[in-house]
C-alpha atoms as a PDB file:
ATOM      1  CA  MET A   1      -5.181  16.866 -20.201  1.00  0.00           C
ATOM      2  CA  PRO A   2      -4.315  13.805 -17.941  1.00  0.00           C
ATOM      3  CA  GLU A   3      -3.470  14.146 -14.826  1.00  0.00           C
ATOM      4  CA  THR A   4      -0.225  14.075 -13.521  1.00  0.00           C
ATOM      5  CA  PRO A   5       0.459  10.771 -12.179  1.00  0.00           C
ATOM      6  CA  LEU A   6       1.488  11.148  -8.515  1.00  0.00           C
ATOM      7  CA  ASN A   7       4.184   8.943  -6.320  1.00  0.00           C
ATOM      8  CA  VAL A   8       4.003   7.598  -2.840  1.00  0.00           C
ATOM      9  CA  VAL A   9       8.126   6.927  -1.614  1.00  0.00           C
ATOM     10  CA  ILE A  10       8.327   4.774   1.471  1.00  0.00           C
ATOM     11  CA  GLY A  11      11.613   5.400   2.943  1.00  0.00           C
ATOM     12  CA  ALA A  12      13.836   8.534   1.889  1.00  0.00           C
ATOM     13  CA  PRO A  13      16.519   8.144  -0.648  1.00  0.00           C
ATOM     14  CA  SER A  14      19.968   8.900   0.354  1.00  0.00           C
ATOM     15  CA  LEU A  15      19.851  12.420  -2.182  1.00  0.00           C
ATOM     16  CA  ILE A  16      16.704  14.227  -3.119  1.00  0.00           C
ATOM     17  CA  THR A  17      17.270  13.956  -6.252  1.00  0.00           C
ATOM     18  CA  GLN A  18      16.803  10.602  -6.945  1.00  0.00           C
ATOM     19  CA  LEU A  19      12.822  11.000  -5.838  1.00  0.00           C
ATOM     20  CA  PRO A  20      10.648  10.466  -8.548  1.00  0.00           C
ATOM     21  CA  ALA A  21       9.876  13.530 -10.887  1.00  0.00           C
ATOM     22  CA  GLY A  22       5.944  14.834 -10.202  1.00  0.00           C
ATOM     23  CA  PRO A  23       3.429  15.845  -7.237  1.00  0.00           C
ATOM     24  CA  THR A  24       5.126  12.723  -4.337  1.00  0.00           C
ATOM     25  CA  LEU A  25       4.030  12.119  -0.950  1.00  0.00           C
ATOM     26  CA  LEU A  26       7.409  10.555   1.326  1.00  0.00           C
ATOM     27  CA  VAL A  27       6.953   8.824   4.003  1.00  0.00           C
ATOM     28  CA  GLU A  28       9.843   8.261   6.465  1.00  0.00           C
ATOM     29  CA  ALA A  29      10.114   6.531   9.580  1.00  0.00           C
ATOM     30  CA  ASP A  30      13.071   8.646  11.150  1.00  0.00           C
ATOM     31  CA  GLY A  31      12.447  11.652  12.416  1.00  0.00           C
ATOM     32  CA  GLU A  32      16.096  12.437  12.846  1.00  0.00           C
ATOM     33  CA  ARG A  33      16.596  11.824   9.074  1.00  0.00           C
ATOM     34  CA  LEU A  34      13.619  13.834   8.430  1.00  0.00           C
ATOM     35  CA  ALA A  35      14.862  16.941   9.931  1.00  0.00           C
ATOM     36  CA  ALA A  36      18.013  16.433   8.469  1.00  0.00           C
ATOM     37  CA  LEU A  37      16.379  16.431   4.839  1.00  0.00           C
ATOM     38  CA  SER A  38      14.114  19.241   5.401  1.00  0.00           C
ATOM     39  CA  ALA A  39      16.502  22.070   3.677  1.00  0.00           C
ATOM     40  CA  ALA A  40      16.702  20.082   0.328  1.00  0.00           C
ATOM     41  CA  LEU A  41      13.249  18.927   0.673  1.00  0.00           C
ATOM     42  CA  GLU A  42      11.533  22.395   1.396  1.00  0.00           C
ATOM     43  CA  HIS A  43      13.705  23.632  -1.811  1.00  0.00           C
ATOM     44  CA  ARG A  44      12.329  20.409  -4.268  1.00  0.00           C
ATOM     45  CA  GLN A  45      11.180  22.022  -7.787  1.00  0.00           C
ATOM     46  CA  HIS A  46       8.377  19.285  -7.782  1.00  0.00           C
ATOM     47  CA  PRO A  47       5.450  19.311  -5.478  1.00  0.00           C
ATOM     48  CA  LEU A  48       5.999  17.221  -2.256  1.00  0.00           C
ATOM     49  CA  ARG A  49       4.625  16.548   1.097  1.00  0.00           C
ATOM     50  CA  TRP A  50       6.474  14.248   3.557  1.00  0.00           C
ATOM     51  CA  HIS A  51       5.670  12.478   6.891  1.00  0.00           C
ATOM     52  CA  GLN A  52       7.014  10.986   9.624  1.00  0.00           C
ATOM     53  CA  ALA A  53       5.366   7.712   9.958  1.00  0.00           C
ATOM     54  CA  VAL A  54       6.008   3.584   9.855  1.00  0.00           C
ATOM     55  CA  LEU A  55       2.854   1.639   7.481  1.00  0.00           C
ATOM     56  CA  ALA A  56       0.920  -0.250   9.142  1.00  0.00           C
ATOM     57  CA  ALA A  57      -1.797  -2.601   8.085  1.00  0.00           C
ATOM     58  CA  GLU A  58      -4.251  -1.366  10.371  1.00  0.00           C
ATOM     59  CA  ALA A  59      -4.436   1.695  12.156  1.00  0.00           C
ATOM     60  CA  ASP A  60      -2.359   1.812  15.924  1.00  0.00           C
ATOM     61  CA  ALA A  61      -1.183  -1.586  15.157  1.00  0.00           C
ATOM     62  CA  VAL A  62       2.480  -1.914  17.497  1.00  0.00           C
ATOM     63  CA  LEU A  63       5.068  -2.704  15.217  1.00  0.00           C
ATOM     64  CA  THR A  64       8.662  -4.224  16.797  1.00  0.00           C
ATOM     65  CA  TRP A  65      11.168  -1.178  14.367  1.00  0.00           C
ATOM     66  CA  HIS A  66      14.797  -2.869  14.412  1.00  0.00           C
ATOM     67  CA  ARG A  67      17.354  -0.446  13.538  1.00  0.00           C
ATOM     68  CA  PHE A  68      20.857  -1.571  12.059  1.00  0.00           C
ATOM     69  CA  SER A  69      24.066  -0.648  11.392  1.00  0.00           C
ATOM     70  CA  ASP A  70      22.913  -0.380   7.719  1.00  0.00           C
ATOM     71  CA  ARG A  71      19.882   1.791   8.012  1.00  0.00           C
ATOM     72  CA  ARG A  72      18.638   0.940   4.556  1.00  0.00           C
ATOM     73  CA  LEU A  73      17.407  -2.274   6.257  1.00  0.00           C
ATOM     74  CA  ASP A  74      15.802  -0.482   9.412  1.00  0.00           C
ATOM     75  CA  GLY A  75      12.484  -1.637   9.499  1.00  0.00           C
ATOM     76  CA  PRO A  76       9.466  -4.837  10.892  1.00  0.00           C
ATOM     77  CA  LEU A  77      11.908  -7.215   9.636  1.00  0.00           C
ATOM     78  CA  GLY A  78      14.781  -8.574  12.604  1.00  0.00           C
ATOM     79  CA  LEU A  79      18.067  -9.796  12.274  1.00  0.00           C
ATOM     80  CA  GLU A  80      17.376 -13.293  11.686  1.00  0.00           C
ATOM     81  CA  GLY A  81      15.411 -12.068   8.509  1.00  0.00           C
ATOM     82  CA  TRP A  82      18.355  -9.661   7.105  1.00  0.00           C
ATOM     83  CA  GLN A  83      21.732 -12.289   8.134  1.00  0.00           C
ATOM     84  CA  PRO A  84      21.682 -14.777   5.053  1.00  0.00           C
ATOM     85  CA  HIS A  85      21.412 -11.746   2.597  1.00  0.00           C
ATOM     86  CA  TYR A  86      23.892  -9.284   4.729  1.00  0.00           C
ATOM     87  CA  PRO A  87      25.981 -11.423   7.096  1.00  0.00           C
ATOM     88  CA  ASN A  88      27.814  -8.544   8.608  1.00  0.00           C
ATOM     89  CA  VAL A  89      25.020  -6.440   9.849  1.00  0.00           C
ATOM     90  CA  GLN A  90      24.861  -5.405  13.177  1.00  0.00           C
ATOM     91  CA  LEU A  91      21.255  -4.812  15.246  1.00  0.00           C
ATOM     92  CA  LEU A  92      21.470  -1.672  17.265  1.00  0.00           C
ATOM     93  CA  ALA A  93      18.371  -1.236  18.727  1.00  0.00           C
ATOM     94  CA  SER A  94      14.511  -2.428  18.334  1.00  0.00           C
ATOM     95  CA  GLN A  95      11.413  -0.318  20.108  1.00  0.00           C
ATOM     96  CA  SER A  96       7.860  -0.312  19.729  1.00  0.00           C
ATOM     97  CA  LEU A  97       5.924   2.456  17.243  1.00  0.00           C
ATOM     98  CA  ALA A  98       2.532   2.865  16.416  1.00  0.00           C
ATOM     99  CA  GLY A  99       1.427   2.162  12.509  1.00  0.00           C
ATOM    100  CA  THR A 100      -0.433   4.532  10.372  1.00  0.00           C
ATOM    101  CA  ARG A 101      -2.634   3.478   7.208  1.00  0.00           C
ATOM    102  CA  LEU A 102      -1.281   4.951   3.890  1.00  0.00           C
ATOM    103  CA  GLU A 103      -5.194   5.172   3.603  1.00  0.00           C
ATOM    104  CA  SER A 104      -5.321   8.194   6.176  1.00  0.00           C
ATOM    105  CA  LEU A 105      -1.737   9.716   4.625  1.00  0.00           C
ATOM    106  CA  LEU A 106      -3.306   9.752   1.274  1.00  0.00           C
ATOM    107  CA  GLU A 107      -6.440  11.317   2.208  1.00  0.00           C
ATOM    108  CA  ASP A 108      -5.216  13.857   3.821  1.00  0.00           C
ATOM    109  CA  TRP A 109      -2.708  14.553   0.846  1.00  0.00           C
ATOM    110  CA  PRO A 110      -4.446  17.690  -1.277  1.00  0.00           C
ATOM    111  CA  GLN A 111      -2.325  16.157  -4.297  1.00  0.00           C
ATOM    112  CA  ALA A 112      -4.636  13.219  -3.685  1.00  0.00           C
ATOM    113  CA  LYS A 113      -7.812  14.940  -4.184  1.00  0.00           C
ATOM    114  CA  VAL A 114      -8.865  14.899  -7.867  1.00  0.00           C
ATOM    115  CA  SER A 115     -10.736  11.343  -8.128  1.00  0.00           C
ATOM    116  CA  SER A 116      -8.766  10.527 -11.247  1.00  0.00           C
ATOM    117  CA  VAL A 117      -5.288  10.941 -10.487  1.00  0.00           C
ATOM    118  CA  THR A 118      -3.525   7.463  -9.882  1.00  0.00           C
ATOM    119  CA  PHE A 119      -0.495   6.884  -8.494  1.00  0.00           C
ATOM    120  CA  GLN A 120       2.956   4.938  -8.452  1.00  0.00           C
ATOM    121  CA  LEU A 121       4.218   3.282  -4.579  1.00  0.00           C
ATOM    122  CA  LEU A 122       8.266   3.333  -4.270  1.00  0.00           C
ATOM    123  CA  VAL A 123       8.847   1.474  -1.062  1.00  0.00           C
ATOM    124  CA  ARG A 124      12.207   1.334   0.277  1.00  0.00           C
ATOM    125  CA  GLN A 125      11.433   0.982   3.732  1.00  0.00           C
ATOM    126  CA  GLY A 126       9.260  -1.175   6.112  1.00  0.00           C
ATOM    127  CA  ASP A 127       7.053  -3.772   5.079  1.00  0.00           C
ATOM    128  CA  PRO A 128       5.451  -3.235   1.590  1.00  0.00           C
ATOM    129  CA  LEU A 129       2.763  -5.493   2.087  1.00  0.00           C
ATOM    130  CA  ALA A 130       1.301  -3.993   5.087  1.00  0.00           C
ATOM    131  CA  ALA A 131       1.662  -0.681   3.110  1.00  0.00           C
ATOM    132  CA  LEU A 132      -0.668  -2.202   0.530  1.00  0.00           C
ATOM    133  CA  GLN A 133      -3.146  -3.518   3.079  1.00  0.00           C
ATOM    134  CA  GLY A 134      -3.230  -0.010   4.551  1.00  0.00           C
ATOM    135  CA  ALA A 135      -4.036   1.569   1.300  1.00  0.00           C
ATOM    136  CA  GLY A 136      -8.157   0.763   1.358  1.00  0.00           C
ATOM    137  CA  PRO A 137     -10.046   1.991  -1.269  1.00  0.00           C
ATOM    138  CA  TRP A 138      -6.990   4.094  -2.541  1.00  0.00           C
ATOM    139  CA  LEU A 139      -5.969   1.013  -3.868  1.00  0.00           C
ATOM    140  CA  ARG A 140      -8.012   1.124  -6.616  1.00  0.00           C
ATOM    141  CA  ARG A 141      -6.138   4.277  -8.298  1.00  0.00           C
ATOM    142  CA  LEU A 142      -2.653   2.135  -7.375  1.00  0.00           C
ATOM    143  CA  GLU A 143      -0.833   1.874 -11.226  1.00  0.00           C
ATOM    144  CA  ARG A 144       2.470   0.334 -10.000  1.00  0.00           C
ATOM    145  CA  VAL A 145       4.712  -0.700  -7.246  1.00  0.00           C
ATOM    146  CA  GLU A 146       8.508  -1.142  -6.908  1.00  0.00           C
ATOM    147  CA  LEU A 147      10.902  -2.042  -4.485  1.00  0.00           C
ATOM    148  CA  LEU A 148      14.008  -0.156  -4.235  1.00  0.00           C
ATOM    149  CA  GLY A 149      16.975  -1.508  -2.555  1.00  0.00           C
ATOM    150  CA  PRO A 150      17.645  -4.183   0.090  1.00  0.00           C
ATOM    151  CA  VAL A 151      13.718  -4.425   1.051  1.00  0.00           C
ATOM    152  CA  ALA A 152      13.513  -6.044  -2.650  1.00  0.00           C
ATOM    153  CA  VAL A 153      15.674  -9.363  -1.458  1.00  0.00           C
ATOM    154  CA  PRO A 154      12.965 -10.502   0.830  1.00  0.00           C
ATOM    155  CA  PHE A 155       9.874  -9.204   0.301  1.00  0.00           C
ATOM    156  CA  SER A 156       9.518  -9.457  -3.669  1.00  0.00           C
ATOM    157  CA  GLY A 157       8.591 -13.207  -3.309  1.00  0.00           C
ATOM    158  CA  GLU A 158       5.621 -15.050  -4.354  1.00  0.00           C
ATOM    159  CA  THR A 159       3.138 -14.092  -1.371  1.00  0.00           C
ATOM    160  CA  MET A 160       4.063 -10.115  -2.599  1.00  0.00           C
ATOM    161  CA  ASP A 161       3.522 -11.378  -6.221  1.00  0.00           C
ATOM    162  CA  THR A 162       0.262 -13.562  -5.679  1.00  0.00           C
ATOM    163  CA  TRP A 163      -1.560 -11.071  -3.089  1.00  0.00           C
ATOM    164  CA  LEU A 164      -0.922  -8.344  -6.298  1.00  0.00           C
ATOM    165  CA  VAL A 165      -1.764 -10.854  -8.927  1.00  0.00           C
ATOM    166  CA  MET A 166      -5.417 -10.983  -6.862  1.00  0.00           C
ATOM    167  CA  ARG A 167      -5.708  -7.632  -7.692  1.00  0.00           C
ATOM    168  CA  GLY A 168      -4.484  -7.374 -10.885  1.00  0.00           C
ATOM    169  CA  PHE A 169      -1.563  -6.602 -11.046  1.00  0.00           C
ATOM    170  CA  CYS A 170       1.765  -8.813 -12.848  1.00  0.00           C
ATOM    171  CA  ARG A 171       5.408  -8.095 -12.929  1.00  0.00           C
ATOM    172  CA  GLU A 172       7.133  -5.693 -14.976  1.00  0.00           C
ATOM    173  CA  GLU A 173       8.862  -7.957 -18.151  1.00  0.00           C
ATOM    174  CA  GLY A 174      12.246  -8.688 -16.471  1.00  0.00           C
ATOM    175  CA  ARG A 175      11.520  -7.444 -13.133  1.00  0.00           C
ATOM    176  CA  GLN A 176      11.246  -9.222  -9.822  1.00  0.00           C
ATOM    177  CA  ASP A 177      10.703  -6.450  -7.619  1.00  0.00           C
ATOM    178  CA  ALA A 178       8.192  -3.947 -10.085  1.00  0.00           C
ATOM    179  CA  TRP A 179       4.761  -4.623 -10.526  1.00  0.00           C
ATOM    180  CA  ARG A 180       2.215  -2.793 -12.799  1.00  0.00           C
ATOM    181  CA  ARG A 181      -1.546  -2.958 -12.963  1.00  0.00           C
ATOM    182  CA  ASP A 182      -3.306  -5.424 -16.126  1.00  0.00           C
ATOM    183  CA  PRO A 183      -5.735  -3.753 -17.604  1.00  0.00           C
ATOM    184  CA  LEU A 184      -7.574  -7.063 -18.954  1.00  0.00           C
ATOM    185  CA  ALA A 185      -6.706  -8.543 -15.201  1.00  0.00           C
ATOM    186  CA  THR A 186      -8.398  -5.866 -13.743  1.00  0.00           C
ATOM    187  CA  ARG A 187     -11.452  -5.841 -15.477  1.00  0.00           C
ATOM    188  CA  LEU A 188     -12.058  -9.258 -15.688  1.00  0.00           C
ATOM    189  CA  LEU A 189     -11.667  -8.960 -11.660  1.00  0.00           C
ATOM    190  CA  ALA A 190     -14.274  -5.626 -11.909  1.00  0.00           C
ATOM    191  CA  LEU A 191     -16.563  -7.954 -13.903  1.00  0.00           C
ATOM    192  CA  ASP A 192     -16.092 -10.912 -11.029  1.00  0.00           C
ATOM    193  CA  ALA A 193     -17.348  -8.472  -8.650  1.00  0.00           C
ATOM    194  CA  LEU A 194     -20.257  -7.475 -10.150  1.00  0.00           C
ATOM    195  CA  GLN A 195     -21.268 -10.825 -10.750  1.00  0.00           C
ATOM    196  CA  GLN A 196     -20.964 -11.493  -7.065  1.00  0.00           C
ATOM    197  CA  GLU A 197     -22.822  -8.621  -6.290  1.00  0.00           C
ATOM    198  CA  ARG A 198     -25.581  -9.186  -9.064  1.00  0.00           C
ATOM    199  CA  ASP A 199     -25.460 -13.051  -6.514  1.00  0.00           C
ATOM    200  CA  GLN A 200     -25.693 -11.901  -3.282  1.00  0.00           C
ATOM    201  CA  LEU A 201     -28.744  -9.240  -4.501  1.00  0.00           C
ATOM    202  CA  ALA A 202     -30.631 -11.897  -6.420  1.00  0.00           C
ATOM    203  CA  GLU A 203     -30.162 -14.019  -2.593  1.00  0.00           C
ATOM    204  CA  GLN A 204     -31.918 -10.657  -0.892  1.00  0.00           C
ATOM    205  CA  LEU A 205     -34.366 -11.233  -2.911  1.00  0.00           C
ATOM    206  CA  THR A 206     -35.410 -14.546  -2.895  1.00  0.00           C
ATOM    207  CA  GLN A 207     -35.058 -14.166   1.114  1.00  0.00           C
ATOM    208  CA  ILE A 208     -37.533 -11.391   0.355  1.00  0.00           C
ATOM    209  CA  ARG A 209     -40.109 -13.363  -1.722  1.00  0.00           C
ATOM    210  CA  LEU A 210     -40.269 -16.136   0.975  1.00  0.00           C
ATOM    211  CA  THR A 211     -40.615 -13.699   3.692  1.00  0.00           C
ATOM    212  CA  ILE A 212     -43.744 -12.411   1.890  1.00  0.00           C
ATOM    213  CA  LEU A 213     -44.937 -15.977   0.993  1.00  0.00           C
ATOM    214  CA  THR A 214     -44.658 -17.054   4.590  1.00  0.00           C
ATOM    215  CA  MET A 215     -46.470 -13.984   6.178  1.00  0.00           C
ATOM    216  CA  ALA A 216     -49.177 -14.695   3.271  1.00  0.00           C
ATOM    217  CA  THR A 217     -49.325 -17.947   4.232  1.00  0.00           C
ATOM    218  CA  GLN A 218     -50.026 -16.998   8.171  1.00  0.00           C
ATOM    219  CA  LEU A 219     -52.490 -14.389   6.917  1.00  0.00           C
ATOM    220  CA  ASP A 220     -54.201 -16.761   4.939  1.00  0.00           C
ATOM    221  CA  ALA A 221     -54.760 -19.346   7.903  1.00  0.00           C
ATOM    222  CA  HIS A 222     -56.199 -16.707  10.352  1.00  0.00           C
ATOM    223  CA  PRO A 223     -58.504 -14.883   8.467  1.00  0.00           C
END
């Protein structure tokens, strides 16, 4: 029987019932919001683990986190990034926060210990690309990415698409805000990686042979 896929949700929804079914890791930057939801989170039917964290590409990277009149927009994107889409939004405050790599949270999640289990990433808060870049080797087990809510507006463009396509993903049909792993593209990328590794080993072997030949020549020159 195949393992149940996992969910990694970045940004708490308005209602806990909006979380996907199955084992879920919830990452939320707002500690007060997590505290307000804690009772509902503890009584959820499916296994759930939650962390207060701001995801970043590098551990302990210092991020400027903005808080807006519409809390759905809270994150690293400033007022100038949101105003073209939400002209009435107001910036309430900004603060510096230390970032956390998604990799460290996944390593500490018991549900993810089974090496064969895959997961999907659902992002409604923060920088989705930074979250992906911080996944490290766990990216190999990622099967699907979806941007939820307003975050899909500024982050679902060419940069995000190119980054995911280069790692074996493709947009879901008819969607601009969701990507799924392409099995064929993934196999081709794996074959390309193996070929590169083979070429590197061949180059190392050539260098070793040249070194041995040089040493042999020097020994012959000094009997």
